[in-house]
Every structure is written in C-alpha cells, then in structure tokens.
C-alpha atoms as a PDB file:
ATOM      1  CA  UNK A   1     -24.288 -36.587  45.081  1.00  0.00           C
ATOM      2  CA  UNK A   2     -22.520 -39.618  43.924  1.00  0.00           C
ATOM      3  CA  UNK A   3     -23.370 -41.744  41.141  1.00  0.00           C
ATOM      4  CA  UNK A   4     -23.054 -45.334  40.579  1.00  0.00           C
ATOM      5  CA  UNK A   5     -23.057 -47.031  37.209  1.00  0.00           C
ATOM      6  CA  UNK A   6     -23.003 -50.724  37.107  1.00  0.00           C
ATOM      7  CA  UNK A   7     -21.854 -52.279  33.551  1.00  0.00           C
ATOM      8  CA  UNK A   8     -23.024 -49.067  31.821  1.00  0.00           C
ATOM      9  CA  UNK A   9     -21.791 -48.371  28.656  1.00  0.00           C
ATOM     10  CA  UNK A  10     -21.408 -44.422  27.859  1.00  0.00           C
ATOM     11  CA  UNK A  11     -21.518 -43.046  24.730  1.00  0.00           C
ATOM     12  CA  UNK A  12     -20.020 -40.447  22.494  1.00  0.00           C
ATOM     13  CA  UNK A  13     -22.607 -37.270  22.122  1.00  0.00           C
ATOM     14  CA  UNK A  14     -23.418 -38.077  18.296  1.00  0.00           C
ATOM     15  CA  UNK A  15     -26.605 -35.732  17.903  1.00  0.00           C
ATOM     16  CA  UNK A  16     -27.131 -32.360  19.040  1.00  0.00           C
ATOM     17  CA  UNK A  17     -29.276 -33.279  22.374  1.00  0.00           C
ATOM     18  CA  UNK A  18     -32.426 -31.034  22.697  1.00  0.00           C
ATOM     19  CA  UNK A  19     -32.408 -28.362  25.662  1.00  0.00           C
ATOM     20  CA  UNK A  20     -33.182 -29.468  28.999  1.00  0.00           C
ATOM     21  CA  UNK A  21     -37.084 -30.031  29.886  1.00  0.00           C
ATOM     22  CA  UNK A  22     -37.216 -32.641  31.793  1.00  0.00           C
ATOM     23  CA  UNK A  23     -40.064 -34.611  29.747  1.00  0.00           C
ATOM     24  CA  UNK A  24     -39.288 -38.278  30.897  1.00  0.00           C
ATOM     25  CA  UNK A  25     -41.100 -41.013  28.465  1.00  0.00           C
ATOM     26  CA  UNK A  26     -41.210 -45.096  29.252  1.00  0.00           C
ATOM     27  CA  UNK A  27     -42.223 -46.914  26.112  1.00  0.00           C
ATOM     28  CA  UNK A  28     -43.161 -50.325  26.888  1.00  0.00           C
ATOM     29  CA  UNK A  29     -40.073 -51.092  29.250  1.00  0.00           C
ATOM     30  CA  UNK A  30     -39.376 -54.256  30.613  1.00  0.00           C
ATOM     31  CA  UNK A  31     -36.367 -54.453  32.639  1.00  0.00           C
ATOM     32  CA  UNK A  32     -34.832 -57.407  34.542  1.00  0.00           C
ATOM     33  CA  UNK A  33     -32.048 -58.012  36.731  1.00  0.00           C
ATOM     34  CA  UNK A  34     -29.907 -60.416  34.581  1.00  0.00           C
ATOM     35  CA  UNK A  35     -27.341 -60.937  37.230  1.00  0.00           C
ATOM     36  CA  UNK A  36     -29.746 -62.875  39.243  1.00  0.00           C
ATOM     37  CA  UNK A  37     -30.081 -65.738  36.755  1.00  0.00           C
ATOM     38  CA  UNK A  38     -33.672 -65.961  37.554  1.00  0.00           C
ATOM     39  CA  UNK A  39     -34.670 -64.554  34.173  1.00  0.00           C
ATOM     40  CA  UNK A  40     -38.034 -62.801  35.867  1.00  0.00           C
ATOM     41  CA  UNK A  41     -38.869 -59.603  34.691  1.00  0.00           C
ATOM     42  CA  UNK A  42     -39.144 -57.055  37.536  1.00  0.00           C
ATOM     43  CA  UNK A  43     -40.766 -54.562  35.131  1.00  0.00           C
ATOM     44  CA  UNK A  44     -42.973 -55.435  32.120  1.00  0.00           C
ATOM     45  CA  UNK A  45     -44.274 -53.340  29.563  1.00  0.00           C
ATOM     46  CA  UNK A  46     -44.658 -49.736  31.383  1.00  0.00           C
ATOM     47  CA  UNK A  47     -45.110 -46.823  29.338  1.00  0.00           C
ATOM     48  CA  UNK A  48     -46.267 -43.536  30.522  1.00  0.00           C
ATOM     49  CA  UNK A  49     -45.522 -39.754  30.177  1.00  0.00           C
ATOM     50  CA  UNK A  50     -44.269 -36.856  32.724  1.00  0.00           C
ATOM     51  CA  UNK A  51     -44.666 -33.359  31.629  1.00  0.00           C
ATOM     52  CA  UNK A  52     -42.701 -30.452  33.044  1.00  0.00           C
ATOM     53  CA  UNK A  53     -44.539 -29.109  35.429  1.00  0.00           C
ATOM     54  CA  UNK A  54     -46.275 -32.217  37.185  1.00  0.00           C
ATOM     55  CA  UNK A  55     -45.641 -33.742  39.948  1.00  0.00           C
ATOM     56  CA  UNK A  56     -46.253 -37.412  39.862  1.00  0.00           C
ATOM     57  CA  UNK A  57     -46.209 -40.172  42.469  1.00  0.00           C
ATOM     58  CA  UNK A  58     -45.286 -43.625  42.234  1.00  0.00           C
ATOM     59  CA  UNK A  59     -46.554 -46.303  44.821  1.00  0.00           C
ATOM     60  CA  UNK A  60     -47.091 -49.725  45.486  1.00  0.00           C
ATOM     61  CA  UNK A  61     -45.610 -52.521  47.712  1.00  0.00           C
ATOM     62  CA  UNK A  62     -42.622 -53.723  48.580  1.00  0.00           C
ATOM     63  CA  UNK A  63     -40.533 -55.569  46.258  1.00  0.00           C
ATOM     64  CA  UNK A  64     -42.597 -54.069  43.293  1.00  0.00           C
ATOM     65  CA  UNK A  65     -39.839 -52.257  41.361  1.00  0.00           C
ATOM     66  CA  UNK A  66     -40.398 -48.767  42.159  1.00  0.00           C
ATOM     67  CA  UNK A  67     -36.947 -47.876  42.917  1.00  0.00           C
ATOM     68  CA  UNK A  68     -35.459 -49.696  40.041  1.00  0.00           C
ATOM     69  CA  UNK A  69     -37.988 -48.040  37.825  1.00  0.00           C
ATOM     70  CA  UNK A  70     -36.390 -44.394  38.710  1.00  0.00           C
ATOM     71  CA  UNK A  71     -32.999 -46.187  38.196  1.00  0.00           C
ATOM     72  CA  UNK A  72     -33.483 -46.635  34.573  1.00  0.00           C
ATOM     73  CA  UNK A  73     -33.499 -42.771  34.117  1.00  0.00           C
ATOM     74  CA  UNK A  74     -29.739 -41.988  35.028  1.00  0.00           C
ATOM     75  CA  UNK A  75     -28.582 -45.105  33.767  1.00  0.00           C
ATOM     76  CA  UNK A  76     -28.144 -47.055  36.571  1.00  0.00           C
ATOM     77  CA  UNK A  77     -29.250 -49.854  35.086  1.00  0.00           C
ATOM     78  CA  UNK A  78     -30.431 -50.095  31.707  1.00  0.00           C
ATOM     79  CA  UNK A  79     -34.004 -51.769  30.249  1.00  0.00           C
ATOM     80  CA  UNK A  80     -33.976 -54.657  28.820  1.00  0.00           C
ATOM     81  CA  UNK A  81     -36.866 -53.973  26.600  1.00  0.00           C
ATOM     82  CA  UNK A  82     -38.263 -50.931  25.383  1.00  0.00           C
ATOM     83  CA  UNK A  83     -36.943 -47.288  26.155  1.00  0.00           C
ATOM     84  CA  UNK A  84     -36.545 -44.525  28.771  1.00  0.00           C
ATOM     85  CA  UNK A  85     -36.446 -41.417  26.428  1.00  0.00           C
ATOM     86  CA  UNK A  86     -35.306 -37.835  28.609  1.00  0.00           C
ATOM     87  CA  UNK A  87     -36.637 -34.896  26.503  1.00  0.00           C
ATOM     88  CA  UNK A  88     -37.342 -37.156  23.520  1.00  0.00           C
ATOM     89  CA  UNK A  89     -34.066 -38.477  23.378  1.00  0.00           C
ATOM     90  CA  UNK A  90     -33.392 -42.499  24.534  1.00  0.00           C
ATOM     91  CA  UNK A  91     -31.112 -42.069  27.825  1.00  0.00           C
ATOM     92  CA  UNK A  92     -28.856 -44.638  26.615  1.00  0.00           C
ATOM     93  CA  UNK A  93     -28.183 -42.296  23.483  1.00  0.00           C
ATOM     94  CA  UNK A  94     -27.019 -39.167  25.977  1.00  0.00           C
ATOM     95  CA  UNK A  95     -23.129 -39.362  27.364  1.00  0.00           C
ATOM     96  CA  UNK A  96     -23.290 -40.406  30.882  1.00  0.00           C
ATOM     97  CA  UNK A  97     -22.437 -37.147  32.166  1.00  0.00           C
ATOM     98  CA  UNK A  98     -24.820 -34.725  30.164  1.00  0.00           C
ATOM     99  CA  UNK A  99     -27.389 -37.223  31.007  1.00  0.00           C
ATOM    100  CA  UNK A 100     -27.075 -37.364  34.702  1.00  0.00           C
ATOM    101  CA  UNK A 101     -26.333 -33.819  34.745  1.00  0.00           C
ATOM    102  CA  UNK A 102     -29.861 -33.007  33.654  1.00  0.00           C
ATOM    103  CA  UNK A 103     -31.255 -34.858  36.673  1.00  0.00           C
ATOM    104  CA  UNK A 104     -31.536 -34.052  40.290  1.00  0.00           C
ATOM    105  CA  UNK A 105     -32.155 -37.299  42.715  1.00  0.00           C
ATOM    106  CA  UNK A 106     -32.444 -38.334  46.001  1.00  0.00           C
ATOM    107  CA  UNK A 107     -32.150 -41.882  46.827  1.00  0.00           C
ATOM    108  CA  UNK A 108     -32.236 -44.077  49.575  1.00  0.00           C
ATOM    109  CA  UNK A 109     -28.844 -44.391  49.126  1.00  0.00           C
ATOM    110  CA  UNK A 110     -27.713 -41.334  49.009  1.00  0.00           C
ATOM    111  CA  UNK A 111     -25.308 -40.088  51.148  1.00  0.00           C
ATOM    112  CA  UNK A 112     -23.715 -36.739  52.562  1.00  0.00           C
ATOM    113  CA  UNK A 113     -19.813 -35.931  51.893  1.00  0.00           C
ATOM    114  CA  UNK A 114     -17.320 -34.912  54.551  1.00  0.00           C
ATOM    115  CA  UNK A 115     -17.131 -31.618  54.395  1.00  0.00           C
ATOM    116  CA  UNK A 116     -19.295 -28.349  55.066  1.00  0.00           C
ATOM    117  CA  UNK A 117     -22.860 -28.229  54.623  1.00  0.00           C
ATOM    118  CA  UNK A 118     -22.186 -25.615  51.654  1.00  0.00           C
ATOM    119  CA  UNK A 119     -19.823 -27.976  50.136  1.00  0.00           C
ATOM    120  CA  UNK A 120     -22.714 -30.498  50.072  1.00  0.00           C
ATOM    121  CA  UNK A 121     -25.077 -28.021  48.569  1.00  0.00           C
ATOM    122  CA  UNK A 122     -23.174 -27.155  45.882  1.00  0.00           C
ATOM    123  CA  UNK A 123     -22.217 -30.484  44.925  1.00  0.00           C
ATOM    124  CA  UNK A 124     -25.539 -30.341  42.173  1.00  0.00           C
ATOM    125  CA  UNK A 125     -24.439 -26.538  40.947  1.00  0.00           C
ATOM    126  CA  UNK A 126     -20.981 -25.684  42.246  1.00  0.00           C
ATOM    127  CA  UNK A 127     -21.592 -21.931  41.082  1.00  0.00           C
ATOM    128  CA  UNK A 128     -24.892 -21.460  42.871  1.00  0.00           C
ATOM    129  CA  UNK A 129     -24.692 -17.710  44.571  1.00  0.00           C
ATOM    130  CA  UNK A 130     -25.316 -17.813  48.535  1.00  0.00           C
ATOM    131  CA  UNK A 131     -29.189 -16.126  47.833  1.00  0.00           C
ATOM    132  CA  UNK A 132     -29.525 -19.586  45.871  1.00  0.00           C
ATOM    133  CA  UNK A 133     -28.232 -22.017  48.812  1.00  0.00           C
ATOM    134  CA  UNK A 134     -30.330 -20.333  51.355  1.00  0.00           C
ATOM    135  CA  UNK A 135     -33.589 -20.397  49.384  1.00  0.00           C
ATOM    136  CA  UNK A 136     -32.720 -24.054  48.873  1.00  0.00           C
ATOM    137  CA  UNK A 137     -32.141 -24.336  52.326  1.00  0.00           C
ATOM    138  CA  UNK A 138     -35.653 -22.725  53.390  1.00  0.00           C
ATOM    139  CA  UNK A 139     -37.483 -24.700  50.478  1.00  0.00           C
ATOM    140  CA  UNK A 140     -36.236 -28.099  52.146  1.00  0.00           C
ATOM    141  CA  UNK A 141     -37.098 -27.150  55.958  1.00  0.00           C
ATOM    142  CA  UNK A 142     -33.129 -27.115  56.697  1.00  0.00           C
ATOM    143  CA  UNK A 143     -32.317 -23.217  56.837  1.00  0.00           C
ATOM    144  CA  UNK A 144     -33.099 -23.186  60.622  1.00  0.00           C
ATOM    145  CA  UNK A 145     -31.387 -26.296  61.593  1.00  0.00           C
ATOM    146  CA  UNK A 146     -28.329 -25.424  59.941  1.00  0.00           C
ATOM    147  CA  UNK A 147     -28.513 -21.982  60.982  1.00  0.00           C
ATOM    148  CA  UNK A 148     -28.718 -23.138  64.959  1.00  0.00           C
ATOM    149  CA  UNK A 149     -24.995 -24.884  64.536  1.00  0.00           C
ATOM    150  CA  UNK A 150     -22.577 -22.280  65.358  1.00  0.00           C
ATOM    151  CA  UNK A 151     -20.392 -21.875  62.341  1.00  0.00           C
ATOM    152  CA  UNK A 152     -24.050 -22.461  59.711  1.00  0.00           C
ATOM    153  CA  UNK A 153     -23.350 -23.134  56.723  1.00  0.00           C
ATOM    154  CA  UNK A 154     -19.574 -23.697  57.291  1.00  0.00           C
ATOM    155  CA  UNK A 155     -20.318 -26.451  59.791  1.00  0.00           C
ATOM    156  CA  UNK A 156     -18.414 -29.297  58.902  1.00  0.00           C
ATOM    157  CA  UNK A 157     -20.436 -32.981  58.463  1.00  0.00           C
ATOM    158  CA  UNK A 158     -18.983 -36.079  58.771  1.00  0.00           C
ATOM    159  CA  UNK A 159     -18.855 -38.494  55.815  1.00  0.00           C
ATOM    160  CA  UNK A 160     -21.723 -39.733  55.419  1.00  0.00           C
ATOM    161  CA  UNK A 161     -23.813 -36.972  57.912  1.00  0.00           C
ATOM    162  CA  UNK A 162     -23.381 -39.249  60.952  1.00  0.00           C
ATOM    163  CA  UNK A 163     -23.186 -36.368  62.876  1.00  0.00           C
ATOM    164  CA  UNK A 164     -26.760 -34.676  61.883  1.00  0.00           C
ATOM    165  CA  UNK A 165     -30.018 -36.240  63.006  1.00  0.00           C
ATOM    166  CA  UNK A 166     -31.766 -38.591  60.347  1.00  0.00           C
ATOM    167  CA  UNK A 167     -34.150 -36.250  59.734  1.00  0.00           C
ATOM    168  CA  UNK A 168     -31.553 -33.116  59.161  1.00  0.00           C
ATOM    169  CA  UNK A 169     -29.642 -35.591  56.499  1.00  0.00           C
ATOM    170  CA  UNK A 170     -33.203 -35.972  54.266  1.00  0.00           C
ATOM    171  CA  UNK A 171     -33.288 -32.188  54.668  1.00  0.00           C
ATOM    172  CA  UNK A 172     -30.128 -31.532  53.892  1.00  0.00           C
ATOM    173  CA  UNK A 173     -30.427 -34.058  50.573  1.00  0.00           C
ATOM    174  CA  UNK A 174     -33.285 -32.258  49.767  1.00  0.00           C
ATOM    175  CA  UNK A 175     -32.211 -28.805  49.632  1.00  0.00           C
ATOM    176  CA  UNK A 176     -28.966 -30.585  47.389  1.00  0.00           C
ATOM    177  CA  UNK A 177     -31.660 -31.537  44.944  1.00  0.00           C
ATOM    178  CA  UNK A 178     -33.469 -28.452  44.766  1.00  0.00           C
ATOM    179  CA  UNK A 179     -30.453 -26.099  44.694  1.00  0.00           C
ATOM    180  CA  UNK A 180     -29.285 -28.381  41.528  1.00  0.00           C
ATOM    181  CA  UNK A 181     -32.157 -26.037  39.711  1.00  0.00           C
ATOM    182  CA  UNK A 182     -32.754 -29.382  37.826  1.00  0.00           C
ATOM    183  CA  UNK A 183     -35.689 -29.719  35.442  1.00  0.00           C
ATOM    184  CA  UNK A 184     -36.028 -32.995  36.519  1.00  0.00           C
ATOM    185  CA  UNK A 185     -36.244 -34.165  40.234  1.00  0.00           C
ATOM    186  CA  UNK A 186     -36.474 -37.845  41.303  1.00  0.00           C
ATOM    187  CA  UNK A 187     -36.873 -38.595  45.164  1.00  0.00           C
ATOM    188  CA  UNK A 188     -37.328 -41.741  46.128  1.00  0.00           C
ATOM    189  CA  UNK A 189     -39.019 -42.138  50.043  1.00  0.00           C
ATOM    190  CA  UNK A 190     -37.613 -38.573  50.865  1.00  0.00           C
ATOM    191  CA  UNK A 191     -39.700 -38.315  53.859  1.00  0.00           C
ATOM    192  CA  UNK A 192     -38.877 -41.448  55.703  1.00  0.00           C
ATOM    193  CA  UNK A 193     -36.966 -39.706  58.314  1.00  0.00           C
ATOM    194  CA  UNK A 194     -39.086 -36.911  58.612  1.00  0.00           C
ATOM    195  CA  UNK A 195     -42.158 -36.248  61.190  1.00  0.00           C
ATOM    196  CA  UNK A 196     -45.360 -35.679  60.032  1.00  0.00           C
ATOM    197  CA  UNK A 197     -45.387 -31.466  60.138  1.00  0.00           C
ATOM    198  CA  UNK A 198     -41.977 -31.893  57.800  1.00  0.00           C
ATOM    199  CA  UNK A 199     -43.516 -34.345  55.718  1.00  0.00           C
ATOM    200  CA  UNK A 200     -46.594 -32.418  55.010  1.00  0.00           C
ATOM    201  CA  UNK A 201     -44.135 -29.112  54.139  1.00  0.00           C
ATOM    202  CA  UNK A 202     -41.544 -31.614  51.700  1.00  0.00           C
ATOM    203  CA  UNK A 203     -44.952 -32.624  49.707  1.00  0.00           C
ATOM    204  CA  UNK A 204     -45.854 -28.678  49.491  1.00  0.00           C
ATOM    205  CA  UNK A 205     -42.486 -28.172  48.115  1.00  0.00           C
ATOM    206  CA  UNK A 206     -42.915 -30.746  45.626  1.00  0.00           C
ATOM    207  CA  UNK A 207     -46.188 -29.057  44.051  1.00  0.00           C
ATOM    208  CA  UNK A 208     -44.300 -26.000  44.161  1.00  0.00           C
ATOM    209  CA  UNK A 209     -41.611 -27.248  42.280  1.00  0.00           C
ATOM    210  CA  UNK A 210     -44.059 -28.658  40.196  1.00  0.00           C
ATOM    211  CA  UNK A 211     -45.772 -25.318  39.101  1.00  0.00           C
ATOM    212  CA  UNK A 212     -42.316 -23.790  38.321  1.00  0.00           C
ATOM    213  CA  UNK A 213     -42.222 -25.966  35.492  1.00  0.00           C
ATOM    214  CA  UNK A 214     -40.356 -28.718  37.303  1.00  0.00           C
ATOM    215  CA  UNK A 215     -41.155 -32.735  36.312  1.00  0.00           C
ATOM    216  CA  UNK A 216     -41.569 -33.965  40.098  1.00  0.00           C
ATOM    217  CA  UNK A 217     -41.186 -37.878  40.342  1.00  0.00           C
ATOM    218  CA  UNK A 218     -42.002 -38.785  43.898  1.00  0.00           C
ATOM    219  CA  UNK A 219     -41.695 -42.763  44.837  1.00  0.00           C
ATOM    220  CA  UNK A 220     -43.639 -42.978  48.498  1.00  0.00           C
ATOM    221  CA  UNK A 221     -45.138 -45.927  50.189  1.00  0.00           C
ATOM    222  CA  UNK A 222     -47.307 -43.024  52.547  1.00  0.00           C
ATOM    223  CA  UNK A 223     -50.356 -43.291  50.403  1.00  0.00           C
ATOM    224  CA  UNK A 224     -52.618 -40.619  51.994  1.00  0.00           C
ATOM    225  CA  UNK A 225     -49.613 -38.347  52.015  1.00  0.00           C
ATOM    226  CA  UNK A 226     -49.561 -37.839  48.344  1.00  0.00           C
ATOM    227  CA  UNK A 227     -53.345 -38.911  47.151  1.00  0.00           C
ATOM    228  CA  UNK A 228     -54.510 -35.689  46.536  1.00  0.00           C
ATOM    229  CA  UNK A 229     -51.175 -33.516  46.067  1.00  0.00           C
ATOM    230  CA  UNK A 230     -50.026 -35.262  43.141  1.00  0.00           C
ATOM    231  CA  UNK A 231     -50.975 -34.382  39.739  1.00  0.00           C
ATOM    232  CA  UNK A 232     -51.279 -37.750  39.289  1.00  0.00           C
ATOM    233  CA  UNK A 233     -50.407 -41.560  40.895  1.00  0.00           C
ATOM    234  CA  UNK A 234     -49.382 -44.054  38.801  1.00  0.00           C
ATOM    235  CA  UNK A 235     -49.527 -47.515  41.283  1.00  0.00           C
ATOM    236  CA  UNK A 236     -47.367 -50.306  40.661  1.00  0.00           C
ATOM    237  CA  UNK A 237     -48.510 -53.697  40.893  1.00  0.00           C
ATOM    238  CA  UNK A 238     -47.066 -56.875  39.589  1.00  0.00           C
ATOM    239  CA  UNK A 239     -44.671 -54.922  37.364  1.00  0.00           C
ATOM    240  CA  UNK A 240     -47.391 -53.174  35.839  1.00  0.00           C
ATOM    241  CA  UNK A 241     -48.085 -49.356  36.029  1.00  0.00           C
ATOM    242  CA  UNK A 242     -51.689 -48.580  36.556  1.00  0.00           C
ATOM    243  CA  UNK A 243     -53.232 -44.689  36.275  1.00  0.00           C
ATOM    244  CA  UNK A 244     -55.050 -43.040  39.218  1.00  0.00           C
ATOM    245  CA  UNK A 245     -55.689 -39.306  38.845  1.00  0.00           C
ATOM    246  CA  UNK A 246     -55.948 -37.508  42.465  1.00  0.00           C
ATOM    247  CA  UNK A 247     -57.409 -40.492  44.296  1.00  0.00           C
ATOM    248  CA  UNK A 248     -55.882 -44.023  45.073  1.00  0.00           C
ATOM    249  CA  UNK A 249     -57.561 -46.770  44.638  1.00  0.00           C
ATOM    250  CA  UNK A 250     -56.315 -50.573  43.914  1.00  0.00           C
ATOM    251  CA  UNK A 251     -57.905 -52.198  41.090  1.00  0.00           C
END
C-alpha cells in the first residue's frame, strides 16, 4: 500500500517505543483542513479509546469526517488540537516509517500496483511465508478467484488492478492487510465493492481478527450490517463522536 504525507514533518527516534499492541486513543482531538482557509473544524473535541481485541465501527453521514478521523492515526494529516496516541505514544513522536509499519490500512484510495498477486500480498509483510499468504487470501475470500487464474498467485496485475473486478480488487486489498499481521487494522468502506454474501463474510473476518487480539477500526455506511457485529459503534455527527454499543440509534 502506498502512503501519502502532505506537509507532515518526520521526527527522529528520541525515546524507546513500546511493543506494538494496536491501542488507539483520541484525546480531545480537533481537526480542520487549514489549506482550505475556511477555518471550520471537521472534528471537534473527539475522545475515545480502542483497545486490542476490540472491533469498533465508525458510522455517520457523508462528509462528517469519518475518513479524516482515521487518517490522523498514520499522520496523513496532523491534528490541529488534542492528540492521537498509538500504544500510549503521541503519533507525532514516532518516526513516520515506524508509525506506519504498525498499521494495516485499506483506504478508499488504495490501489494495487503492477506486479504479481504475490508481490502485492507481500507488500505489507515481505517475509510472509507461502502458508501465510494462502491463509490471508482465504480469510479475505480471495483464494478461490486467485486460483481460478491460470498462473494463480503469480498472475500479473496491471497498475491499479484494472484487470480484475472491483470486488476482486477489494478482496485483494483486504488480503494484503490481513497478511501484514499488524496489531492495528483500519478499514475505510472495505465492503463497498462486495456483494451481500461477501460483505457478511468480511464482517465475520473482522470479528475473528479482533478475537485474535487485533484492534480493528471499520468505517462503513452500512449500519444494519455491523450494528450487531461490532463491539462498539461510534456515531459521528457534526464533528463529534457519540457511543452506541451493539445497537445503533441516532440521538
């Protein structure tokens, strides 16, 4: 997966960092797109914590800042107030390479690169074994269609994955994130290209990853799909987060 860092300053390692666990904490976070010049806060005084082993869904209407919120974790943007912490350390105190090496992400803007299916799956974990790649593909419901190609995992993909369907691309991106074996996994509308059957299987995958001790954050517009599946649902409205456990209701 490719990372973009607009106007973000890297920092040198100045302290011993904790072992990766995936714990995320937002402390009174405010954020605005300064470059727009509007001065309006996209997020205001957002505070919540996600522990390892939790599957948390973030929902809300279009344009309320869901993607902006998760983009603050790998520092695609920096907060304009408050702090985002990963494993108890402000993300601004991590070297960017180390910070992003702790996070597996499937974003709406993710693309596959030219190379084989195997090359793409190894992107997040270059030393993954063949068995790990196969298991990641199975978990993401990608194995069967990969093996339907004459060259299987050695099938060449065009830049952006234009020679596979939207649903296949989405499942390959999920497989990349699973293969990375990161403790924090962030998914932004990962089921948008999937049919109902594969959507349900993908949500079951998220639940299983959480049971394995991963911290799983999911942005979705499909509230009915995740209402009973997630450990906690955060409803984002007017730049603020409200908690709803297990059942969604707007307040």
